[in-house]
C-alpha atoms as a PDB file:
ATOM      1  CA  MET A   1      43.164  37.074  -8.510  1.00  0.00           C
ATOM      2  CA  ASP A   2      43.503  34.668 -11.312  1.00  0.00           C
ATOM      3  CA  ILE A   3      39.920  33.502 -11.844  1.00  0.00           C
ATOM      4  CA  THR A   4      40.879  30.590 -14.232  1.00  0.00           C
ATOM      5  CA  GLU A   5      43.320  29.128 -11.672  1.00  0.00           C
ATOM      6  CA  LEU A   6      40.702  29.587  -8.939  1.00  0.00           C
ATOM      7  CA  ALA A   7      37.981  27.848 -10.969  1.00  0.00           C
ATOM      8  CA  THR A   8      40.427  25.025 -11.743  1.00  0.00           C
ATOM      9  CA  GLY A   9      41.117  24.533  -8.058  1.00  0.00           C
ATOM     10  CA  VAL A  10      37.462  24.420  -7.297  1.00  0.00           C
ATOM     11  CA  MET A  11      36.801  21.870  -9.859  1.00  0.00           C
ATOM     12  CA  ALA A  12      39.547  19.666  -8.655  1.00  0.00           C
ATOM     13  CA  GLY A  13      38.019  19.673  -5.311  1.00  0.00           C
ATOM     14  CA  GLU A  14      40.710  21.726  -3.414  1.00  0.00           C
ATOM     15  CA  ARG A  15      39.200  22.948  -0.149  1.00  0.00           C
ATOM     16  CA  ARG A  16      41.224  26.017   0.097  1.00  0.00           C
ATOM     17  CA  ALA A  17      40.163  27.051  -3.425  1.00  0.00           C
ATOM     18  CA  LEU A  18      36.541  26.447  -2.595  1.00  0.00           C
ATOM     19  CA  ALA A  19      36.987  28.383   0.535  1.00  0.00           C
ATOM     20  CA  ARG A  20      38.551  31.451  -1.382  1.00  0.00           C
ATOM     21  CA  ALA A  21      35.724  31.078  -4.111  1.00  0.00           C
ATOM     22  CA  ILE A  22      32.943  31.529  -1.414  1.00  0.00           C
ATOM     23  CA  THR A  23      34.745  34.371   0.175  1.00  0.00           C
ATOM     24  CA  LEU A  24      34.874  36.025  -3.332  1.00  0.00           C
ATOM     25  CA  VAL A  25      31.084  35.542  -4.034  1.00  0.00           C
ATOM     26  CA  GLU A  26      30.105  36.887  -0.556  1.00  0.00           C
ATOM     27  CA  SER A  27      32.035  40.020  -1.203  1.00  0.00           C
ATOM     28  CA  LYS A  28      30.113  43.211  -1.780  1.00  0.00           C
ATOM     29  CA  ARG A  29      32.909  44.914  -3.847  1.00  0.00           C
ATOM     30  CA  GLU A  30      31.902  45.804  -7.442  1.00  0.00           C
ATOM     31  CA  ASP A  31      35.196  44.374  -8.743  1.00  0.00           C
ATOM     32  CA  HIS A  32      34.705  41.336  -6.918  1.00  0.00           C
ATOM     33  CA  ARG A  33      31.192  40.991  -8.343  1.00  0.00           C
ATOM     34  CA  GLN A  34      32.631  41.173 -11.896  1.00  0.00           C
ATOM     35  CA  GLN A  35      35.169  38.385 -10.908  1.00  0.00           C
ATOM     36  CA  THR A  36      32.366  36.461  -9.252  1.00  0.00           C
ATOM     37  CA  ALA A  37      30.560  36.195 -12.529  1.00  0.00           C
ATOM     38  CA  ALA A  38      33.340  35.073 -14.449  1.00  0.00           C
ATOM     39  CA  LEU A  39      34.077  32.513 -11.853  1.00  0.00           C
ATOM     40  CA  LEU A  40      30.614  31.066 -11.907  1.00  0.00           C
ATOM     41  CA  GLU A  41      30.673  30.801 -15.705  1.00  0.00           C
ATOM     42  CA  ALA A  42      34.027  28.933 -15.562  1.00  0.00           C
ATOM     43  CA  VAL A  43      32.828  26.347 -12.982  1.00  0.00           C
ATOM     44  CA  LYS A  44      29.729  25.635 -15.109  1.00  0.00           C
ATOM     45  CA  ALA A  45      32.071  23.523 -17.222  1.00  0.00           C
ATOM     46  CA  SER A  46      32.230  20.824 -14.489  1.00  0.00           C
ATOM     47  CA  ASP A  47      28.434  20.266 -15.306  1.00  0.00           C
ATOM     48  CA  ARG A  48      28.038  18.361 -11.684  1.00  0.00           C
ATOM     49  CA  GLN A  49      24.941  18.293  -9.675  1.00  0.00           C
ATOM     50  CA  ALA A  50      24.665  17.567  -6.047  1.00  0.00           C
ATOM     51  CA  LEU A  51      21.505  16.660  -4.086  1.00  0.00           C
ATOM     52  CA  ARG A  52      20.638  20.179  -2.488  1.00  0.00           C
ATOM     53  CA  ILE A  53      18.869  19.695   0.824  1.00  0.00           C
ATOM     54  CA  GLY A  54      17.558  22.674   2.584  1.00  0.00           C
ATOM     55  CA  LEU A  55      16.883  22.419   6.440  1.00  0.00           C
ATOM     56  CA  SER A  56      14.855  24.625   8.634  1.00  0.00           C
ATOM     57  CA  GLY A  57      13.327  24.545  11.976  1.00  0.00           C
ATOM     58  CA  THR A  58      12.743  26.838  15.013  1.00  0.00           C
ATOM     59  CA  PRO A  59      15.946  27.890  17.127  1.00  0.00           C
ATOM     60  CA  GLY A  60      16.708  24.961  19.641  1.00  0.00           C
ATOM     61  CA  VAL A  61      15.140  22.295  17.755  1.00  0.00           C
ATOM     62  CA  GLY A  62      18.625  20.597  17.196  1.00  0.00           C
ATOM     63  CA  LYS A  63      19.497  21.670  13.616  1.00  0.00           C
ATOM     64  CA  SER A  64      23.226  21.654  14.229  1.00  0.00           C
ATOM     65  CA  THR A  65      23.238  18.450  15.999  1.00  0.00           C
ATOM     66  CA  PHE A  66      21.079  16.873  13.300  1.00  0.00           C
ATOM     67  CA  VAL A  67      23.387  18.156  10.498  1.00  0.00           C
ATOM     68  CA  GLU A  68      26.353  16.766  12.318  1.00  0.00           C
ATOM     69  CA  SER A  69      24.935  13.402  12.796  1.00  0.00           C
ATOM     70  CA  PHE A  70      23.270  13.317   9.393  1.00  0.00           C
ATOM     71  CA  GLY A  71      26.489  14.403   7.705  1.00  0.00           C
ATOM     72  CA  MET A  72      28.442  11.690   9.504  1.00  0.00           C
ATOM     73  CA  HIS A  73      25.983   9.176   8.375  1.00  0.00           C
ATOM     74  CA  LEU A  74      26.455  10.206   4.715  1.00  0.00           C
ATOM     75  CA  THR A  75      30.074  10.360   4.894  1.00  0.00           C
ATOM     76  CA  GLY A  76      30.044   6.908   6.316  1.00  0.00           C
ATOM     77  CA  LEU A  77      28.188   5.824   3.120  1.00  0.00           C
ATOM     78  CA  GLY A  78      31.146   7.246   1.080  1.00  0.00           C
ATOM     79  CA  LEU A  79      29.462  10.509   0.111  1.00  0.00           C
ATOM     80  CA  ARG A  80      31.186  13.862   0.125  1.00  0.00           C
ATOM     81  CA  VAL A  81      29.003  16.474   1.992  1.00  0.00           C
ATOM     82  CA  ALA A  82      29.108  20.132   2.107  1.00  0.00           C
ATOM     83  CA  VAL A  83      27.423  22.149   4.735  1.00  0.00           C
ATOM     84  CA  LEU A  84      26.467  25.776   4.225  1.00  0.00           C
ATOM     85  CA  ALA A  85      25.332  27.170   7.773  1.00  0.00           C
ATOM     86  CA  VAL A  86      23.686  30.532   7.886  1.00  0.00           C
ATOM     87  CA  ASP A  87      23.981  32.166  11.222  1.00  0.00           C
ATOM     88  CA  PRO A  88      21.813  35.333  12.213  1.00  0.00           C
ATOM     89  CA  SER A  89      23.558  38.798  12.094  1.00  0.00           C
ATOM     90  CA  SER A  90      23.169  41.575  14.721  1.00  0.00           C
ATOM     91  CA  SER A  91      20.674  44.128  13.552  1.00  0.00           C
ATOM     92  CA  ARG A  92      22.841  46.630  15.618  1.00  0.00           C
ATOM     93  CA  SER A  93      26.471  45.735  14.910  1.00  0.00           C
ATOM     94  CA  GLY A  94      26.043  43.591  11.773  1.00  0.00           C
ATOM     95  CA  GLY A  95      28.248  40.760  13.618  1.00  0.00           C
ATOM     96  CA  SER A  96      27.615  37.262  13.637  1.00  0.00           C
ATOM     97  CA  ILE A  97      28.924  34.345  15.920  1.00  0.00           C
ATOM     98  CA  LEU A  98      29.563  31.877  13.055  1.00  0.00           C
ATOM     99  CA  GLY A  99      30.012  29.075  15.669  1.00  0.00           C
ATOM    100  CA  ASP A 100      28.710  26.075  13.602  1.00  0.00           C
ATOM    101  CA  LYS A 101      32.171  24.458  13.081  1.00  0.00           C
ATOM    102  CA  THR A 102      32.665  24.530  16.876  1.00  0.00           C
ATOM    103  CA  ARG A 103      29.234  22.857  17.362  1.00  0.00           C
ATOM    104  CA  MET A 104      29.876  20.266  14.628  1.00  0.00           C
ATOM    105  CA  GLU A 105      33.378  19.221  16.071  1.00  0.00           C
ATOM    106  CA  ARG A 106      33.279  15.772  14.513  1.00  0.00           C
ATOM    107  CA  LEU A 107      31.994  16.657  11.114  1.00  0.00           C
ATOM    108  CA  SER A 108      34.474  19.396  10.765  1.00  0.00           C
ATOM    109  CA  ARG A 109      37.429  16.961  11.221  1.00  0.00           C
ATOM    110  CA  ASP A 110      35.873  14.537   8.503  1.00  0.00           C
ATOM    111  CA  PRO A 111      38.033  14.768   5.195  1.00  0.00           C
ATOM    112  CA  ASN A 112      34.772  14.061   3.096  1.00  0.00           C
ATOM    113  CA  ALA A 113      32.908  17.113   4.672  1.00  0.00           C
ATOM    114  CA  PHE A 114      33.236  20.827   4.269  1.00  0.00           C
ATOM    115  CA  ILE A 115      31.524  23.245   6.568  1.00  0.00           C
ATOM    116  CA  ARG A 116      31.120  26.886   5.684  1.00  0.00           C
ATOM    117  CA  PRO A 117      29.310  29.332   8.115  1.00  0.00           C
ATOM    118  CA  SER A 118      28.048  32.536   6.660  1.00  0.00           C
ATOM    119  CA  PRO A 119      26.395  35.586   8.207  1.00  0.00           C
ATOM    120  CA  SER A 120      22.815  36.285   7.130  1.00  0.00           C
ATOM    121  CA  GLN A 121      23.479  40.066   7.174  1.00  0.00           C
ATOM    122  CA  THR A 122      20.265  41.952   6.155  1.00  0.00           C
ATOM    123  CA  GLN A 123      18.984  39.047   3.890  1.00  0.00           C
ATOM    124  CA  LEU A 124      15.472  37.784   4.751  1.00  0.00           C
ATOM    125  CA  GLY A 125      14.242  34.280   4.523  1.00  0.00           C
ATOM    126  CA  GLY A 126      16.787  32.506   6.540  1.00  0.00           C
ATOM    127  CA  VAL A 127      19.885  32.271   3.949  1.00  0.00           C
ATOM    128  CA  ALA A 128      22.638  34.600   3.218  1.00  0.00           C
ATOM    129  CA  ARG A 129      22.702  36.897   0.127  1.00  0.00           C
ATOM    130  CA  ARG A 130      24.988  34.732  -1.867  1.00  0.00           C
ATOM    131  CA  THR A 131      24.203  31.215  -0.433  1.00  0.00           C
ATOM    132  CA  ARG A 132      22.925  30.113  -4.029  1.00  0.00           C
ATOM    133  CA  GLU A 133      26.122  30.843  -5.650  1.00  0.00           C
ATOM    134  CA  ALA A 134      28.025  29.002  -2.761  1.00  0.00           C
ATOM    135  CA  VAL A 135      25.830  25.886  -3.527  1.00  0.00           C
ATOM    136  CA  ALA A 136      27.010  26.066  -7.171  1.00  0.00           C
ATOM    137  CA  LEU A 137      30.518  26.228  -6.162  1.00  0.00           C
ATOM    138  CA  CYS A 138      30.121  23.123  -3.880  1.00  0.00           C
ATOM    139  CA  GLU A 139      28.467  21.261  -6.717  1.00  0.00           C
ATOM    140  CA  ALA A 140      31.493  22.213  -8.949  1.00  0.00           C
ATOM    141  CA  ALA A 141      33.717  20.935  -6.373  1.00  0.00           C
ATOM    142  CA  GLY A 142      32.415  17.581  -6.661  1.00  0.00           C
ATOM    143  CA  PHE A 143      30.372  17.132  -3.419  1.00  0.00           C
ATOM    144  CA  ASP A 144      27.477  14.636  -3.493  1.00  0.00           C
ATOM    145  CA  VAL A 145      25.189  16.390  -1.001  1.00  0.00           C
ATOM    146  CA  VAL A 146      24.978  20.019  -0.147  1.00  0.00           C
ATOM    147  CA  LEU A 147      23.093  20.717   3.213  1.00  0.00           C
ATOM    148  CA  ILE A 148      21.831  24.219   3.545  1.00  0.00           C
ATOM    149  CA  GLU A 149      21.102  24.858   7.251  1.00  0.00           C
ATOM    150  CA  THR A 150      19.061  28.070   7.538  1.00  0.00           C
ATOM    151  CA  VAL A 151      18.973  30.542  10.362  1.00  0.00           C
ATOM    152  CA  GLY A 152      15.586  29.042  11.902  1.00  0.00           C
ATOM    153  CA  VAL A 153      13.191  31.803  12.307  1.00  0.00           C
ATOM    154  CA  GLY A 154       9.874  30.019  11.648  1.00  0.00           C
ATOM    155  CA  GLN A 155       7.110  30.299   9.184  1.00  0.00           C
ATOM    156  CA  SER A 156       8.560  32.825   6.796  1.00  0.00           C
ATOM    157  CA  GLU A 157      11.748  30.948   6.184  1.00  0.00           C
ATOM    158  CA  THR A 158      10.927  29.815   2.660  1.00  0.00           C
ATOM    159  CA  VAL A 159      13.548  31.207   0.520  1.00  0.00           C
ATOM    160  CA  VAL A 160      15.661  28.112   0.861  1.00  0.00           C
ATOM    161  CA  ALA A 161      12.960  26.049  -1.035  1.00  0.00           C
ATOM    162  CA  GLU A 162      14.079  28.182  -4.081  1.00  0.00           C
ATOM    163  CA  MET A 163      17.701  26.832  -4.040  1.00  0.00           C
ATOM    164  CA  SER A 164      17.157  23.242  -2.832  1.00  0.00           C
ATOM    165  CA  ASP A 165      15.970  20.020  -4.339  1.00  0.00           C
ATOM    166  CA  LEU A 166      14.414  18.803  -1.023  1.00  0.00           C
ATOM    167  CA  PHE A 167      13.225  20.925   1.916  1.00  0.00           C
ATOM    168  CA  ILE A 168      13.448  19.272   5.264  1.00  0.00           C
ATOM    169  CA  LEU A 169      11.673  20.701   8.244  1.00  0.00           C
ATOM    170  CA  LEU A 170      12.883  19.787  11.771  1.00  0.00           C
ATOM    171  CA  MET A 171      10.198  19.897  14.582  1.00  0.00           C
ATOM    172  CA  ALA A 172      10.396  19.528  18.228  1.00  0.00           C
ATOM    173  CA  PRO A 173       8.197  17.278  20.300  1.00  0.00           C
ATOM    174  CA  ALA A 174       5.013  18.719  21.747  1.00  0.00           C
ATOM    175  CA  GLY A 175       5.430  21.753  19.548  1.00  0.00           C
ATOM    176  CA  GLY A 176       1.959  22.003  18.373  1.00  0.00           C
ATOM    177  CA  ASP A 177      -1.299  20.016  17.446  1.00  0.00           C
ATOM    178  CA  GLU A 178      -2.669  19.540  14.032  1.00  0.00           C
ATOM    179  CA  LEU A 179      -3.976  23.092  13.808  1.00  0.00           C
ATOM    180  CA  GLN A 180      -0.464  24.202  14.190  1.00  0.00           C
ATOM    181  CA  GLY A 181       0.541  21.804  11.768  1.00  0.00           C
ATOM    182  CA  VAL A 182      -1.671  23.068   8.824  1.00  0.00           C
ATOM    183  CA  LYS A 183      -0.290  26.641   9.034  1.00  0.00           C
ATOM    184  CA  ARG A 184       0.508  27.942   5.616  1.00  0.00           C
ATOM    185  CA  GLY A 185       3.896  29.039   4.528  1.00  0.00           C
ATOM    186  CA  ILE A 186       6.642  26.866   5.628  1.00  0.00           C
ATOM    187  CA  MET A 187       4.589  23.656   6.202  1.00  0.00           C
ATOM    188  CA  GLU A 188       3.294  23.771   2.608  1.00  0.00           C
ATOM    189  CA  ILE A 189       6.795  23.692   1.127  1.00  0.00           C
ATOM    190  CA  ALA A 190       8.240  20.936   3.440  1.00  0.00           C
ATOM    191  CA  ASP A 191       9.014  17.613   1.636  1.00  0.00           C
ATOM    192  CA  LEU A 192       9.767  15.740   4.805  1.00  0.00           C
ATOM    193  CA  ILE A 193       9.114  16.652   8.376  1.00  0.00           C
ATOM    194  CA  LEU A 194      11.491  15.200  11.046  1.00  0.00           C
ATOM    195  CA  VAL A 195      10.301  15.284  14.660  1.00  0.00           C
ATOM    196  CA  ASN A 196      13.696  15.431  16.489  1.00  0.00           C
ATOM    197  CA  LYS A 197      14.457  14.546  19.968  1.00  0.00           C
ATOM    198  CA  ALA A 198      12.679  11.171  19.869  1.00  0.00           C
ATOM    199  CA  ASP A 199      14.606   9.679  22.757  1.00  0.00           C
ATOM    200  CA  GLY A 200      14.389   9.470  26.659  1.00  0.00           C
ATOM    201  CA  ASP A 201      11.311  11.104  28.260  1.00  0.00           C
ATOM    202  CA  LEU A 202      10.355  12.898  25.006  1.00  0.00           C
ATOM    203  CA  LYS A 203      10.142   9.754  22.856  1.00  0.00           C
ATOM    204  CA  PHE A 204       6.341   9.207  23.380  1.00  0.00           C
ATOM    205  CA  ALA A 205       5.605  12.978  22.883  1.00  0.00           C
ATOM    206  CA  ALA A 206       7.716  12.870  19.756  1.00  0.00           C
ATOM    207  CA  MET A 207       5.580   9.985  18.574  1.00  0.00           C
ATOM    208  CA  ARG A 208       2.411  11.876  19.308  1.00  0.00           C
ATOM    209  CA  THR A 209       3.650  15.070  17.648  1.00  0.00           C
ATOM    210  CA  CYS A 210       4.495  13.006  14.521  1.00  0.00           C
ATOM    211  CA  ALA A 211       0.956  11.422  14.330  1.00  0.00           C
ATOM    212  CA  ASP A 212      -0.396  15.014  14.720  1.00  0.00           C
ATOM    213  CA  TYR A 213       1.636  16.204  11.690  1.00  0.00           C
ATOM    214  CA  SER A 214       0.853  13.124   9.706  1.00  0.00           C
ATOM    215  CA  GLY A 215      -2.701  13.879  10.186  1.00  0.00           C
ATOM    216  CA  ALA A 216      -2.206  17.491   9.179  1.00  0.00           C
ATOM    217  CA  LEU A 217      -0.268  16.592   5.997  1.00  0.00           C
ATOM    218  CA  ARG A 218      -3.088  14.444   4.800  1.00  0.00           C
ATOM    219  CA  LEU A 219      -5.451  17.439   4.935  1.00  0.00           C
ATOM    220  CA  MET A 220      -3.184  19.414   2.593  1.00  0.00           C
ATOM    221  CA  ARG A 221      -3.756  19.672  -1.173  1.00  0.00           C
ATOM    222  CA  LYS A 222      -1.451  17.115  -2.997  1.00  0.00           C
ATOM    223  CA  ARG A 223       1.418  18.640  -4.930  1.00  0.00           C
ATOM    224  CA  PRO A 224       2.095  17.449  -8.481  1.00  0.00           C
ATOM    225  CA  GLN A 225       5.942  16.994  -7.808  1.00  0.00           C
ATOM    226  CA  ASP A 226       5.181  14.453  -5.037  1.00  0.00           C
ATOM    227  CA  PRO A 227       4.368  10.734  -5.078  1.00  0.00           C
ATOM    228  CA  ASP A 228       1.241   9.517  -3.254  1.00  0.00           C
ATOM    229  CA  ASP A 229       2.949   9.185   0.077  1.00  0.00           C
ATOM    230  CA  PHE A 230       4.756  12.448   0.310  1.00  0.00           C
ATOM    231  CA  PRO A 231       5.118  14.756   2.153  1.00  0.00           C
ATOM    232  CA  LYS A 232       5.521  12.786   5.292  1.00  0.00           C
ATOM    233  CA  ALA A 233       6.479  12.957   8.922  1.00  0.00           C
ATOM    234  CA  MET A 234       8.934  10.843  10.617  1.00  0.00           C
ATOM    235  CA  THR A 235      10.506  10.617  14.172  1.00  0.00           C
ATOM    236  CA  MET A 236      14.281  10.555  14.748  1.00  0.00           C
ATOM    237  CA  SER A 237      16.925  11.331  17.351  1.00  0.00           C
ATOM    238  CA  ALA A 238      20.003  13.291  16.348  1.00  0.00           C
ATOM    239  CA  LEU A 239      21.578  12.996  19.619  1.00  0.00           C
ATOM    240  CA  GLU A 240      21.229   9.155  19.532  1.00  0.00           C
ATOM    241  CA  GLU A 241      21.629   8.767  15.765  1.00  0.00           C
ATOM    242  CA  GLN A 242      18.423   6.937  15.476  1.00  0.00           C
ATOM    243  CA  GLY A 243      16.313   7.189  12.377  1.00  0.00           C
ATOM    244  CA  LEU A 244      18.996   8.670  10.131  1.00  0.00           C
ATOM    245  CA  ALA A 245      19.161   5.792   7.723  1.00  0.00           C
ATOM    246  CA  ASP A 246      15.383   5.853   7.391  1.00  0.00           C
ATOM    247  CA  ALA A 247      15.392   9.668   6.678  1.00  0.00           C
ATOM    248  CA  TRP A 248      18.106   9.385   4.139  1.00  0.00           C
ATOM    249  CA  GLY A 249      16.237   6.571   2.380  1.00  0.00           C
ATOM    250  CA  GLU A 250      13.003   8.639   2.201  1.00  0.00           C
ATOM    251  CA  MET A 251      15.052  11.541   0.818  1.00  0.00           C
ATOM    252  CA  SER A 252      16.880   9.436  -1.883  1.00  0.00           C
ATOM    253  CA  THR A 253      13.559   7.807  -2.782  1.00  0.00           C
ATOM    254  CA  LEU A 254      11.783  11.236  -3.289  1.00  0.00           C
ATOM    255  CA  ALA A 255      14.790  12.717  -5.275  1.00  0.00           C
ATOM    256  CA  GLN A 256      14.813   9.672  -7.732  1.00  0.00           C
ATOM    257  CA  TRP A 257      11.070   9.750  -8.126  1.00  0.00           C
ATOM    258  CA  ARG A 258      11.328  13.483  -9.077  1.00  0.00           C
ATOM    259  CA  LYS A 259      14.095  12.657 -11.381  1.00  0.00           C
ATOM    260  CA  ASP A 260      12.250   9.891 -13.139  1.00  0.00           C
ATOM    261  CA  ASN A 261       9.119  11.841 -13.611  1.00  0.00           C
ATOM    262  CA  GLY A 262      10.639  15.054 -14.789  1.00  0.00           C
ATOM    263  CA  HIS A 263      10.166  17.174 -11.985  1.00  0.00           C
ATOM    264  CA  TRP A 264      13.906  17.626 -10.943  1.00  0.00           C
ATOM    265  CA  ALA A 265      14.859  19.274 -14.053  1.00  0.00           C
ATOM    266  CA  SER A 266      11.719  21.505 -14.362  1.00  0.00           C
ATOM    267  CA  ARG A 267      12.198  22.650 -10.697  1.00  0.00           C
ATOM    268  CA  ARG A 268      15.887  23.517 -11.164  1.00  0.00           C
ATOM    269  CA  ALA A 269      14.884  25.454 -14.317  1.00  0.00           C
ATOM    270  CA  ASP A 270      12.254  27.322 -12.437  1.00  0.00           C
ATOM    271  CA  GLN A 271      14.705  28.176  -9.578  1.00  0.00           C
ATOM    272  CA  ALA A 272      17.219  29.459 -12.127  1.00  0.00           C
ATOM    273  CA  ARG A 273      14.646  31.742 -13.618  1.00  0.00           C
ATOM    274  CA  HIS A 274      13.717  32.855 -10.139  1.00  0.00           C
ATOM    275  CA  TRP A 275      17.297  33.757  -9.200  1.00  0.00           C
ATOM    276  CA  PHE A 276      17.784  35.662 -12.460  1.00  0.00           C
ATOM    277  CA  GLU A 277      14.793  37.765 -11.614  1.00  0.00           C
ATOM    278  CA  GLU A 278      16.077  38.320  -8.083  1.00  0.00           C
ATOM    279  CA  GLU A 279      19.450  39.430  -9.429  1.00  0.00           C
ATOM    280  CA  VAL A 280      17.658  42.010 -11.546  1.00  0.00           C
ATOM    281  CA  ARG A 281      15.820  43.259  -8.571  1.00  0.00           C
ATOM    282  CA  PHE A 282      18.940  43.604  -6.390  1.00  0.00           C
ATOM    283  CA  GLY A 283      20.728  45.292  -9.268  1.00  0.00           C
ATOM    284  CA  ALA A 284      17.899  47.844  -9.779  1.00  0.00           C
ATOM    285  CA  LEU A 285      17.919  48.555  -6.090  1.00  0.00           C
ATOM    286  CA  ALA A 286      21.777  48.937  -6.118  1.00  0.00           C
ATOM    287  CA  ARG A 287      21.329  51.531  -8.669  1.00  0.00           C
ATOM    288  CA  LEU A 288      19.552  53.806  -6.269  1.00  0.00           C
ATOM    289  CA  TYR A 289      22.435  53.955  -3.977  1.00  0.00           C
ATOM    290  CA  GLU A 290      25.271  54.074  -6.775  1.00  0.00           C
ATOM    291  CA  ASP A 291      23.714  57.078  -8.618  1.00  0.00           C
ATOM    292  CA  PRO A 292      24.505  60.393  -6.499  1.00  0.00           C
ATOM    293  CA  GLU A 293      21.429  62.145  -7.834  1.00  0.00           C
ATOM    294  CA  LEU A 294      19.173  59.151  -6.994  1.00  0.00           C
ATOM    295  CA  ALA A 295      20.818  58.515  -3.628  1.00  0.00           C
ATOM    296  CA  GLY A 296      20.302  62.284  -2.657  1.00  0.00           C
ATOM    297  CA  LEU A 297      16.804  62.089  -3.807  1.00  0.00           C
ATOM    298  CA  MET A 298      16.264  58.830  -1.555  1.00  0.00           C
ATOM    299  CA  THR A 299      17.850  60.681   1.469  1.00  0.00           C
ATOM    300  CA  GLY A 300      15.624  63.831   1.021  1.00  0.00           C
ATOM    301  CA  LEU A 301      12.427  61.883   0.551  1.00  0.00           C
ATOM    302  CA  GLY A 302      13.359  59.634   3.515  1.00  0.00           C
ATOM    303  CA  HIS A 303      13.496  62.840   5.690  1.00  0.00           C
ATOM    304  CA  GLU A 304      10.076  63.868   4.390  1.00  0.00           C
ATOM    305  CA  VAL A 305       8.664  60.461   5.159  1.00  0.00           C
ATOM    306  CA  ALA A 306      10.155  60.384   8.710  1.00  0.00           C
ATOM    307  CA  SER A 307       8.732  63.919   9.371  1.00  0.00           C
ATOM    308  CA  GLY A 308       5.312  62.982   8.279  1.00  0.00           C
ATOM    309  CA  ASN A 309       5.232  65.430   5.358  1.00  0.00           C
ATOM    310  CA  LEU A 310       4.976  62.619   2.812  1.00  0.00           C
ATOM    311  CA  SER A 311       3.546  59.182   2.948  1.00  0.00           C
ATOM    312  CA  PRO A 312       5.903  56.248   2.109  1.00  0.00           C
ATOM    313  CA  SER A 313       3.831  55.195  -1.032  1.00  0.00           C
ATOM    314  CA  SER A 314       3.919  58.734  -2.480  1.00  0.00           C
ATOM    315  CA  ALA A 315       7.709  58.789  -1.981  1.00  0.00           C
ATOM    316  CA  ALA A 316       8.144  55.444  -3.315  1.00  0.00           C
ATOM    317  CA  THR A 317       6.195  56.510  -6.502  1.00  0.00           C
ATOM    318  CA  GLN A 318       8.510  59.480  -6.985  1.00  0.00           C
ATOM    319  CA  ILE A 319      11.692  57.243  -6.769  1.00  0.00           C
ATOM    320  CA  ILE A 320      10.275  54.612  -9.085  1.00  0.00           C
ATOM    321  CA  ALA A 321       9.336  57.400 -11.684  1.00  0.00           C
ATOM    322  CA  ARG A 322      12.755  58.825 -11.482  1.00  0.00           C
ATOM    323  CA  LEU A 323      14.404  55.332 -11.786  1.00  0.00           C
ATOM    324  CA  LYS A 324      12.324  54.739 -14.851  1.00  0.00           C
ATOM    325  CA  SER A 325      13.459  57.769 -16.584  1.00  0.00           C
ATOM    326  CA  ALA A 326      17.154  57.010 -15.717  1.00  0.00           C
ATOM    327  CA  LEU A 327      17.080  53.607 -17.405  1.00  0.00           C
END
């Protein structure tokens, strides 16, 4: 594979080149990892930045419907939108449905949109292992907005906040009261809470739920990266495409405020440092399985732990000591 040619295609906005590049960065082959590093260095020359929006919510809240309606709204404004949708993988077979393009039929046909579904595999936190690199490629390809739709597993789904500029949390009507709203974890990192399905019989329930969350947000400690009236809760209907313009207006206002006050650049710097440390951690873990002696020791100690002859902590201590001596 000619990495220079591939990088040129990505930076020229060629959809096929972008798709091939994301396939490359998602590969687990060692030679592909080396090519990925070269590709990511090459596309840095574009020096482009998109607005990265992470989107989470419990299954069934309407994430895919929202992404399609919101994406169509943005392309209607003349913006280019990339959607990175992460689907859950089976813990048994490792397979994944990857049906987001089917669910987003209108958006998938829009020439200003690009949809890429990826399996979560064994990655925790609602995103795929290489979603961060895929975001960088979409930025290099000239997309204005990158939407990262997570698996949707609930309170622990916070990793996406480490790769996005704004984190949007979708909630369903009558999903909980103020006590539910002040739960730590995912609620603490949300920049904007959108109560979806504010239509039909659920409209008034959505308004009550939004009021509950608005009250809960006022109880939380103010964050330095937010203006006085953020984070906030709003109602909207992805099905009827109501409230999308207001939601986009709030997102644009918050993003611009963070840029003007220096929070945008510092956050991206912190995120880069975070992912550097994550790569080191994953590399150290991979070393355990690449070295035959260490891999054998892992297997042996694993049997000892499973049989009850050794505690997990003691076994881990032995592995870490051997890893230290091998470095």
